[in-house]
Amino acid sequence: MSKQPAFFSKTSDGGGATRREFLGNLAATAASTTLFATAAQALGDPAAPDRKIKLGLVGCGERGSWIAKLFQQQGGYEIQAAADYFPHVVAQCGDQLGVAKERRFSGLSGYQKVIASGVEAVALIVPPGFLPEHASAAAAAGLHVYMAKPVAVDVPGCLRVEAAAKLATQRQRAFLVDYQLPTDPANLEVARRVHQGLIGPIGKLSTFGHCGGCIDPPVLANIENRLQHGSWNYTVALGGSWGVAYDIHAVDAVIWLLGKRPVAAMADSRRCRADAQGDSHDVWSVVFQYADGLVHEHSGHALPTGHANELSCRVTGLHGYALLTYLDKARCQPRKEEPYAVPVGDIYTEGAQRNIAAFHQNIRQGNFTNPTAQRAVDGCLTCILGREAGFRHGRLTMEELLKENKAYPVDTTGLKV
């Protein structure tokens, strides 16, 4: 597998798409995935598009510099500008990508300079606490937007991203959120079989988000030491918490499968890591409730247990079970029938490649329906609902969460502008 960030490589009202709409979207996605897989296999092909999309990169750290190389390898992009808070980080990344020195920017305002540099599209790979501001500015400037997940850390941020995506669609611009699991052919096939009714009516869903965490640096006079290496996930205002930033892959699988978000959550959580510095909890247990009575239980932790990471969604039906997963094998096991069990690919890399190809295809073909945006907002709101219920050690409804509209502003005191 390709190199992954440290934390990965360690050992409304319940509304949303109807089932019919989801089945249509699923069929379209399945068809598109074949095209995206073909495009990914043809990276570097001399038949790549002759006019390259002018791309600006915001966030040049581990994942940012890594994914920028995938954009270059796809063949349909030219990275013309780059920004990172840290000057030395953007300098190193700029050298690797061949970005002119006068088009490398640093500090908190670096993203604004990328947006104003004449690029057509931006890839936003920054801590989630900054994504709503960056995405909103890019959409307002008329740029195509490719962005990391989770899209925000709080309700106001989610609503701001939702508005930015709608603006992008109105202005005929692409807006894609980089979730990889739903692009994987094995997971697509399992979802198709579930919707065919092969395991019967769904009775319960169980999701898991287990990882080893990373460094939780000391709390200093400002947050500069928490802006690298995934450490922002220990600060709610920067990363949303591990339950939002990491577990959202598993929760997104549920939102994708069901086409709707929950109406309430009952949860508990705590900090139990040694010498905890940030305010993020590292152990959590959540039960999500849906308007139709469906129950979804979620288990998560970010502790160095030595066990393998897990990001999965188990679907328990009346006549069998299914497994959507980021790792290992995707499965569908109807009772008394032959099982489907196929290893997933290198979703971290191949999923990003498919999304990069899809983003390019959408721009070139004028497809600006932007279906990943609303699902990303719904998934983020779902994780935030679970986090807030866990913080309060009790039950919280989605309606209450939205009405409360609680913000977690980033404290930029002492940071370089």
Protein backbone atom coordinates (compact mmCIF):
# COMPACT_ATOMS: atom_id res chain seq x y z
CA MET A 1 0.00 0.00 0.00
CA SER A 2 1.05 3.58 -0.56
CA LYS A 3 2.37 5.66 2.27
CA GLN A 4 -0.41 6.86 4.56
CA PRO A 5 -0.54 9.43 7.35
CA ALA A 6 0.68 8.26 10.73
CA PHE A 7 -2.79 7.88 12.20
CA PHE A 8 -3.77 5.59 9.31
CA SER A 9 -0.69 3.43 9.02
CA LYS A 10 -0.52 2.57 12.71
CA THR A 11 -0.91 -1.20 13.69
CA SER A 12 -32.50 17.71 9.20
CA ASP A 13 -34.81 15.60 10.36
CA GLY A 14 -33.49 12.40 9.08
CA GLY A 15 -34.17 13.46 5.51
CA GLY A 16 -32.20 12.55 2.44
CA ALA A 17 -32.54 10.69 -0.81
CA THR A 18 -35.41 8.22 -1.14
CA ARG A 19 -34.64 4.55 -1.61
CA ARG A 20 -35.58 4.81 -5.29
CA GLU A 21 -33.31 7.82 -5.77
CA PHE A 22 -30.49 6.03 -3.97
CA LEU A 23 -30.85 2.95 -6.17
CA GLY A 24 -30.59 5.18 -9.21
CA ASN A 25 -27.54 6.91 -7.81
CA LEU A 26 -25.99 3.57 -6.88
CA ALA A 27 -26.47 2.23 -10.40
CA ALA A 28 -24.98 5.40 -11.86
CA THR A 29 -22.05 5.21 -9.46
CA ALA A 30 -21.44 1.58 -10.31
CA ALA A 31 -21.36 2.41 -14.01
CA SER A 32 -19.10 5.39 -13.42
CA THR A 33 -16.71 3.37 -11.28
CA THR A 34 -15.83 1.24 -14.30
CA LEU A 35 -14.87 4.37 -16.18
CA PHE A 36 -12.92 5.75 -13.23
CA ALA A 37 -11.05 2.47 -12.79
CA THR A 38 -10.14 2.55 -16.47
CA ALA A 39 -8.94 6.12 -16.12
CA ALA A 40 -6.88 5.21 -13.06
CA GLN A 41 -5.25 2.33 -14.93
CA ALA A 42 -4.35 4.69 -17.78
CA LEU A 43 -2.46 7.21 -15.66
CA GLY A 44 0.26 8.81 -17.72
CA ASP A 45 -1.32 7.62 -20.99
CA PRO A 46 -0.29 9.88 -23.89
CA ALA A 47 -3.97 10.07 -24.79
CA ALA A 48 -4.64 12.11 -21.64
CA PRO A 49 -6.60 15.37 -22.15
CA ASP A 50 -4.66 17.93 -24.14
CA ARG A 51 -5.91 20.89 -22.06
CA LYS A 52 -4.97 20.50 -18.44
CA ILE A 53 -7.00 21.98 -15.62
CA LYS A 54 -5.09 24.66 -13.70
CA LEU A 55 -5.07 23.45 -10.11
CA GLY A 56 -4.09 25.13 -6.85
CA LEU A 57 -3.11 23.04 -3.82
CA VAL A 58 -3.95 24.29 -0.32
CA GLY A 59 -2.31 22.13 2.33
CA CYS A 60 1.09 20.67 1.44
CA GLY A 61 1.66 18.34 4.37
CA GLU A 62 1.74 14.54 4.31
CA ARG A 63 -1.56 13.87 2.55
CA GLY A 64 -1.54 17.13 0.59
CA SER A 65 1.81 16.51 -1.07
CA TRP A 66 0.93 12.82 -1.57
CA ILE A 67 -2.41 13.50 -3.24
CA ALA A 68 -0.89 16.29 -5.37
CA LYS A 69 1.30 13.65 -7.01
CA LEU A 70 -1.82 11.64 -7.84
CA PHE A 71 -3.29 14.73 -9.51
CA GLN A 72 -0.11 15.04 -11.57
CA GLN A 73 -0.09 11.35 -12.47
CA GLN A 74 -3.70 11.50 -13.66
CA GLY A 75 -2.51 13.61 -16.56
CA GLY A 76 -5.34 16.12 -16.70
CA TYR A 77 -4.05 18.70 -14.23
CA GLU A 78 -1.29 21.28 -13.98
CA ILE A 79 -0.50 22.37 -10.42
CA GLN A 80 0.17 26.08 -10.76
CA ALA A 81 0.05 27.33 -7.15
CA ALA A 82 0.43 25.95 -3.65
CA ALA A 83 -0.05 27.14 -0.08
CA ASP A 84 0.64 25.84 3.40
CA TYR A 85 0.75 27.52 6.78
CA PHE A 86 4.43 26.56 7.13
CA PRO A 87 6.87 28.18 4.63
CA HIS A 88 9.28 25.25 4.70
CA VAL A 89 6.49 22.78 3.96
CA VAL A 90 5.23 24.63 0.88
CA ALA A 91 8.83 25.17 -0.26
CA GLN A 92 9.59 21.45 -0.16
CA CYS A 93 6.29 20.50 -1.78
CA GLY A 94 6.68 23.22 -4.42
CA ASP A 95 10.10 21.85 -5.36
CA GLN A 96 8.67 18.36 -5.75
CA LEU A 97 5.71 19.53 -7.83
CA GLY A 98 7.55 22.08 -9.94
CA VAL A 99 5.52 25.05 -8.70
CA ALA A 100 7.19 28.41 -9.39
CA LYS A 101 8.55 30.05 -6.24
CA GLU A 102 6.47 33.20 -6.79
CA ARG A 103 3.34 31.02 -6.70
CA ARG A 104 4.06 29.44 -3.32
CA PHE A 105 2.28 31.02 -0.36
CA SER A 106 2.33 30.54 3.40
CA GLY A 107 0.52 31.72 6.53
CA LEU A 108 -3.19 31.68 7.29
CA SER A 109 -3.97 33.83 4.23
CA GLY A 110 -2.05 31.63 1.80
CA TYR A 111 -5.24 30.00 0.53
CA GLN A 112 -6.60 33.40 -0.52
CA LYS A 113 -3.53 33.98 -2.67
CA VAL A 114 -3.94 30.60 -4.34
CA ILE A 115 -7.58 31.38 -5.10
CA ALA A 116 -6.58 34.74 -6.60
CA SER A 117 -3.67 33.29 -8.61
CA GLY A 118 -5.66 32.42 -11.73
CA VAL A 119 -6.25 28.72 -11.09
CA GLU A 120 -9.47 27.04 -12.22
CA ALA A 121 -9.76 24.57 -9.36
CA VAL A 122 -8.44 24.02 -5.85
CA ALA A 123 -7.65 20.92 -3.81
CA LEU A 124 -8.24 21.71 -0.14
CA ILE A 125 -6.26 19.32 2.09
CA VAL A 126 -6.14 21.22 5.40
CA PRO A 127 -7.33 20.58 8.97
CA PRO A 128 -11.16 20.39 8.94
CA GLY A 129 -11.55 23.49 11.10
CA PHE A 130 -10.37 25.58 8.13
CA LEU A 131 -12.29 23.79 5.37
CA PRO A 132 -15.60 25.71 5.53
CA GLU A 133 -13.82 29.07 5.19
CA HIS A 134 -11.62 27.84 2.35
CA ALA A 135 -14.41 26.04 0.47
CA SER A 136 -16.76 29.00 0.79
CA ALA A 137 -14.12 31.40 -0.56
CA ALA A 138 -13.24 29.10 -3.46
CA ALA A 139 -16.88 28.59 -4.46
CA ALA A 140 -17.54 32.33 -4.23
CA ALA A 141 -14.57 32.93 -6.55
CA GLY A 142 -16.06 30.55 -9.12
CA LEU A 143 -13.52 27.74 -8.72
CA HIS A 144 -14.05 23.99 -8.90
CA VAL A 145 -13.51 22.49 -5.44
CA TYR A 146 -11.96 19.15 -4.45
CA MET A 147 -11.79 18.78 -0.70
CA ALA A 148 -10.79 16.41 2.07
CA LYS A 149 -13.06 15.08 4.78
CA PRO A 150 -14.57 15.69 7.26
CA VAL A 151 -15.89 18.89 5.74
CA ALA A 152 -16.24 20.71 9.08
CA VAL A 153 -15.98 20.36 12.86
CA ASP A 154 -19.30 21.93 13.89
CA VAL A 155 -22.82 22.65 12.68
CA PRO A 156 -22.14 26.19 11.38
CA GLY A 157 -19.23 24.81 9.36
CA CYS A 158 -21.36 22.03 7.87
CA LEU A 159 -24.04 24.52 6.85
CA ARG A 160 -21.41 26.77 5.31
CA VAL A 161 -20.02 23.91 3.21
CA GLU A 162 -23.55 22.91 2.22
CA ALA A 163 -24.16 26.46 0.98
CA ALA A 164 -20.81 26.54 -0.86
CA ALA A 165 -21.65 23.30 -2.68
CA LYS A 166 -25.06 24.64 -3.71
CA LEU A 167 -23.41 27.81 -4.97
CA ALA A 168 -20.93 25.72 -6.97
CA THR A 169 -23.77 23.79 -8.59
CA GLN A 170 -25.63 27.02 -9.41
CA ARG A 171 -22.49 28.41 -11.04
CA GLN A 172 -21.82 25.21 -12.95
CA ARG A 173 -18.75 24.23 -10.99
CA ALA A 174 -17.62 20.84 -9.70
CA PHE A 175 -17.56 20.21 -5.94
CA LEU A 176 -16.25 16.81 -4.83
CA VAL A 177 -15.55 15.50 -1.33
CA ASP A 178 -12.90 12.77 -1.29
CA TYR A 179 -14.57 9.71 0.28
CA GLN A 180 -12.98 6.54 -1.04
CA LEU A 181 -14.95 3.54 0.29
CA PRO A 182 -18.04 4.04 -1.95
CA THR A 183 -15.83 4.00 -5.08
CA ASP A 184 -14.45 0.51 -4.37
CA PRO A 185 -15.89 -2.15 -6.73
CA ALA A 186 -16.23 -4.80 -4.00
CA ASN A 187 -18.12 -2.44 -1.69
CA LEU A 188 -20.28 -1.30 -4.60
CA GLU A 189 -21.23 -4.90 -5.32
CA VAL A 190 -22.12 -5.56 -1.68
CA ALA A 191 -24.30 -2.43 -1.57
CA ARG A 192 -26.02 -3.55 -4.77
CA ARG A 193 -26.80 -6.95 -3.28
CA VAL A 194 -28.15 -5.42 -0.08
CA HIS A 195 -30.49 -3.22 -2.09
CA GLN A 196 -31.59 -6.22 -4.12
CA GLY A 197 -32.89 -7.61 -0.84
CA LEU A 198 -30.55 -10.61 -0.70
CA ILE A 199 -30.15 -10.36 3.09
CA GLY A 200 -33.74 -9.29 3.66
CA PRO A 201 -34.93 -6.15 5.46
CA ILE A 202 -32.17 -4.41 7.44
CA GLY A 203 -32.59 -4.84 11.17
CA LYS A 204 -29.45 -3.18 12.51
CA LEU A 205 -26.21 -1.57 11.47
CA SER A 206 -22.94 -1.72 13.39
CA THR A 207 -19.98 0.49 12.52
CA PHE A 208 -16.45 0.50 13.87
CA GLY A 209 -13.73 3.15 13.84
CA HIS A 210 -10.65 1.87 15.65
CA CYS A 211 -7.18 3.35 15.22
CA GLY A 212 -4.01 3.97 17.19
CA GLY A 213 -4.19 7.76 17.23
CA CYS A 214 -1.02 9.83 16.90
CA ILE A 215 0.94 12.45 18.87
CA ASP A 216 -1.08 14.69 21.20
CA PRO A 217 1.39 17.58 21.61
CA PRO A 218 1.47 19.92 24.62
CA VAL A 219 -0.99 22.80 24.73
CA LEU A 220 1.09 25.94 24.17
CA ALA A 221 0.42 29.66 23.84
CA ASN A 222 -0.89 29.07 20.31
CA ILE A 223 -1.95 26.06 18.21
CA GLU A 224 0.94 26.07 15.73
CA ASN A 225 2.33 22.78 17.07
CA ARG A 226 -1.05 21.12 16.40
CA LEU A 227 -1.15 21.95 12.68
CA GLN A 228 0.92 18.99 11.46
CA HIS A 229 0.97 15.19 11.42
CA GLY A 230 -2.71 14.74 12.23
CA SER A 231 -2.30 16.20 15.71
CA TRP A 232 -5.23 18.55 15.03
CA ASN A 233 -7.57 15.60 15.61
CA TYR A 234 -7.00 15.99 19.36
CA THR A 235 -8.41 19.54 19.24
CA VAL A 236 -12.13 19.70 18.47
CA ALA A 237 -11.97 23.15 16.86
CA LEU A 238 -9.25 21.98 14.45
CA GLY A 239 -10.09 18.36 13.67
CA GLY A 240 -13.53 17.75 15.08
CA SER A 241 -12.18 14.91 17.28
CA TRP A 242 -11.09 11.42 16.22
CA GLY A 243 -14.71 10.28 16.25
CA VAL A 244 -15.42 12.79 13.49
CA ALA A 245 -12.14 12.82 11.56
CA TYR A 246 -11.44 9.07 11.41
CA ASP A 247 -14.70 7.23 12.12
CA ILE A 248 -16.52 9.24 9.49
CA HIS A 249 -15.35 6.75 6.84
CA ALA A 250 -17.47 4.05 8.50
CA VAL A 251 -20.38 6.40 9.21
CA ASP A 252 -20.29 7.65 5.61
CA ALA A 253 -20.80 4.04 4.47
CA VAL A 254 -24.12 4.04 6.36
CA ILE A 255 -25.24 7.39 4.94
CA TRP A 256 -24.29 6.14 1.47
CA LEU A 257 -26.14 2.85 1.92
CA LEU A 258 -29.31 4.29 3.47
CA GLY A 259 -29.46 7.66 1.71
CA LYS A 260 -30.45 9.43 4.93
CA ARG A 261 -29.09 10.62 8.26
CA PRO A 262 -30.26 9.74 11.79
CA VAL A 263 -32.69 11.73 13.90
CA ALA A 264 -31.05 11.18 17.29
CA ALA A 265 -28.08 9.68 19.11
CA MET A 266 -27.44 8.35 22.59
CA ALA A 267 -23.77 8.19 23.49
CA ASP A 268 -21.01 8.19 26.04
CA SER A 269 -17.33 9.00 25.61
CA ARG A 270 -14.22 9.88 27.59
CA ARG A 271 -10.54 10.77 27.48
CA CYS A 272 -8.38 7.94 28.76
CA ARG A 273 -5.08 8.35 26.88
CA ALA A 274 -1.99 9.05 28.95
CA ASP A 275 -1.16 12.75 29.45
CA ALA A 276 -4.10 13.98 27.39
CA GLN A 277 -3.56 17.51 26.12
CA GLY A 278 -6.27 18.30 23.57
CA ASP A 279 -10.00 18.30 24.31
CA SER A 280 -10.89 15.43 21.96
CA HIS A 281 -12.16 12.22 23.54
CA ASP A 282 -10.48 8.97 22.52
CA VAL A 283 -13.10 6.33 23.43
CA TRP A 284 -16.75 6.52 22.42
CA SER A 285 -19.87 4.41 22.02
CA VAL A 286 -22.92 5.69 20.16
CA VAL A 287 -26.38 4.42 19.26
CA PHE A 288 -27.92 6.34 16.36
CA GLN A 289 -31.67 6.27 15.81
CA TYR A 290 -33.44 6.77 12.46
CA ALA A 291 -36.94 8.05 11.76
CA ASP A 292 -38.12 4.59 10.67
CA GLY A 293 -36.85 2.97 13.88
CA LEU A 294 -33.64 1.55 12.44
CA VAL A 295 -30.85 1.22 15.00
CA HIS A 296 -27.20 1.93 14.23
CA GLU A 297 -24.59 1.24 16.90
CA HIS A 298 -21.11 2.65 16.61
CA SER A 299 -17.89 1.84 18.48
CA GLY A 300 -14.75 3.92 18.25
CA HIS A 301 -11.38 4.50 19.83
CA ALA A 302 -8.06 6.18 19.05
CA LEU A 303 -5.72 4.29 21.37
CA PRO A 304 -2.38 2.56 20.71
CA THR A 305 -3.73 -0.90 21.51
CA GLY A 306 -1.52 -2.71 19.01
CA HIS A 307 -4.57 -4.14 17.23
CA ALA A 308 -5.12 -3.57 13.53
CA ASN A 309 -7.13 -0.53 12.48
CA GLU A 310 -10.77 -1.05 11.59
CA LEU A 311 -13.19 0.98 9.51
CA SER A 312 -16.27 -1.05 8.69
CA CYS A 313 -20.05 -1.21 8.54
CA ARG A 314 -21.80 -4.49 9.32
CA VAL A 315 -25.36 -4.74 8.00
CA THR A 316 -27.56 -7.27 9.79
CA GLY A 317 -30.61 -8.35 7.79
CA LEU A 318 -33.46 -10.73 8.43
CA HIS A 319 -31.94 -13.33 6.11
CA GLY A 320 -28.20 -12.69 6.31
CA TYR A 321 -25.54 -10.06 6.78
CA ALA A 322 -23.20 -7.84 4.76
CA LEU A 323 -19.97 -5.98 5.43
CA LEU A 324 -18.81 -2.72 3.86
CA THR A 325 -15.21 -2.09 4.76
CA TYR A 326 -12.16 0.04 4.15
CA LEU A 327 -9.86 -2.91 4.89
CA ASP A 328 -9.89 -6.69 4.35
CA LYS A 329 -12.89 -8.16 2.46
CA ALA A 330 -16.30 -6.76 1.56
CA ARG A 331 -18.92 -9.44 2.17
CA CYS A 332 -22.53 -10.38 1.53
CA GLN A 333 -23.73 -13.58 3.18
CA PRO A 334 -27.39 -14.47 2.56
CA ARG A 335 -28.58 -17.36 4.69
CA LYS A 336 -28.25 -20.74 2.92
CA GLU A 337 -26.72 -19.13 -0.20
CA GLU A 338 -23.23 -18.77 -1.59
CA PRO A 339 -21.35 -15.92 0.06
CA TYR A 340 -19.77 -13.01 -1.77
CA ALA A 341 -16.42 -12.18 -0.17
CA VAL A 342 -13.95 -10.13 -2.20
CA PRO A 343 -10.87 -8.26 -0.93
CA VAL A 344 -11.15 -4.51 -1.27
CA GLY A 345 -8.37 -2.76 -3.13
CA ASP A 346 -5.94 -0.23 -1.76
CA ILE A 347 -8.88 2.07 -1.10
CA TYR A 348 -6.72 4.83 0.32
CA THR A 349 -4.84 5.20 -2.97
CA GLU A 350 -7.20 3.76 -5.56
CA GLY A 351 -10.22 5.56 -4.13
CA ALA A 352 -8.40 8.89 -4.33
CA GLN A 353 -7.34 8.10 -7.91
CA ARG A 354 -10.93 7.36 -8.88
CA ASN A 355 -12.13 10.57 -7.24
CA ILE A 356 -9.44 12.64 -8.96
CA ALA A 357 -10.45 11.10 -12.29
CA ALA A 358 -14.14 11.72 -11.52
CA PHE A 359 -13.43 15.36 -10.63
CA HIS A 360 -11.64 15.84 -13.94
CA GLN A 361 -14.37 14.06 -15.87
CA ASN A 362 -17.10 16.14 -14.22
CA ILE A 363 -15.34 19.39 -15.11
CA ARG A 364 -14.63 18.41 -18.72
CA GLN A 365 -18.11 16.96 -19.32
CA GLY A 366 -20.01 19.68 -17.50
CA ASN A 367 -21.50 17.38 -14.87
CA PHE A 368 -22.13 19.64 -11.89
CA THR A 369 -24.71 17.64 -9.93
CA ASN A 370 -22.06 17.21 -7.18
CA PRO A 371 -23.66 14.24 -5.35
CA THR A 372 -20.86 13.78 -2.80
CA ALA A 373 -21.44 17.19 -1.21
CA GLN A 374 -24.76 16.64 0.57
CA ARG A 375 -23.78 13.15 1.66
CA ALA A 376 -20.56 14.55 3.13
CA VAL A 377 -22.50 17.18 5.06
CA ASP A 378 -25.00 14.60 6.34
CA GLY A 379 -22.20 12.25 7.40
CA CYS A 380 -20.34 15.04 9.16
CA LEU A 381 -23.49 16.16 10.99
CA THR A 382 -24.06 12.55 12.03
CA CYS A 383 -20.58 12.26 13.54
CA ILE A 384 -20.93 15.65 15.24
CA LEU A 385 -24.26 14.48 16.68
CA GLY A 386 -22.55 11.42 18.13
CA ARG A 387 -19.66 13.49 19.49
CA GLU A 388 -21.92 16.02 21.19
CA ALA A 389 -24.13 13.31 22.67
CA GLY A 390 -20.98 11.62 23.98
CA PHE A 391 -19.69 14.85 25.50
CA ARG A 392 -23.02 15.18 27.35
CA HIS A 393 -23.24 11.48 28.27
CA GLY A 394 -26.79 11.22 27.03
CA ARG A 395 -29.30 11.61 24.21
CA LEU A 396 -29.40 14.41 21.65
CA THR A 397 -31.65 14.81 18.61
CA MET A 398 -30.53 16.11 15.23
CA GLU A 399 -33.19 18.81 15.51
CA GLU A 400 -31.73 19.97 18.85
CA LEU A 401 -28.19 19.91 17.42
CA LEU A 402 -29.16 22.05 14.42
CA LYS A 403 -31.17 24.48 16.52
CA GLU A 404 -28.32 24.88 18.99
CA ASN A 405 -25.92 25.58 16.10
CA LYS A 406 -22.91 25.39 18.43
CA ALA A 407 -19.65 26.70 16.96
CA TYR A 408 -16.09 25.62 17.76
CA PRO A 409 -14.04 28.57 16.43
CA VAL A 410 -10.34 28.07 15.75
CA ASP A 411 -8.18 30.22 18.04
CA THR A 412 -5.65 31.78 15.65
CA THR A 413 -3.97 33.92 18.33
CA GLY A 414 -0.28 34.29 17.61
CA LEU A 415 -0.37 32.56 14.22
CA LYS A 416 1.25 34.01 11.11
CA VAL A 417 -1.21 35.71 8.81
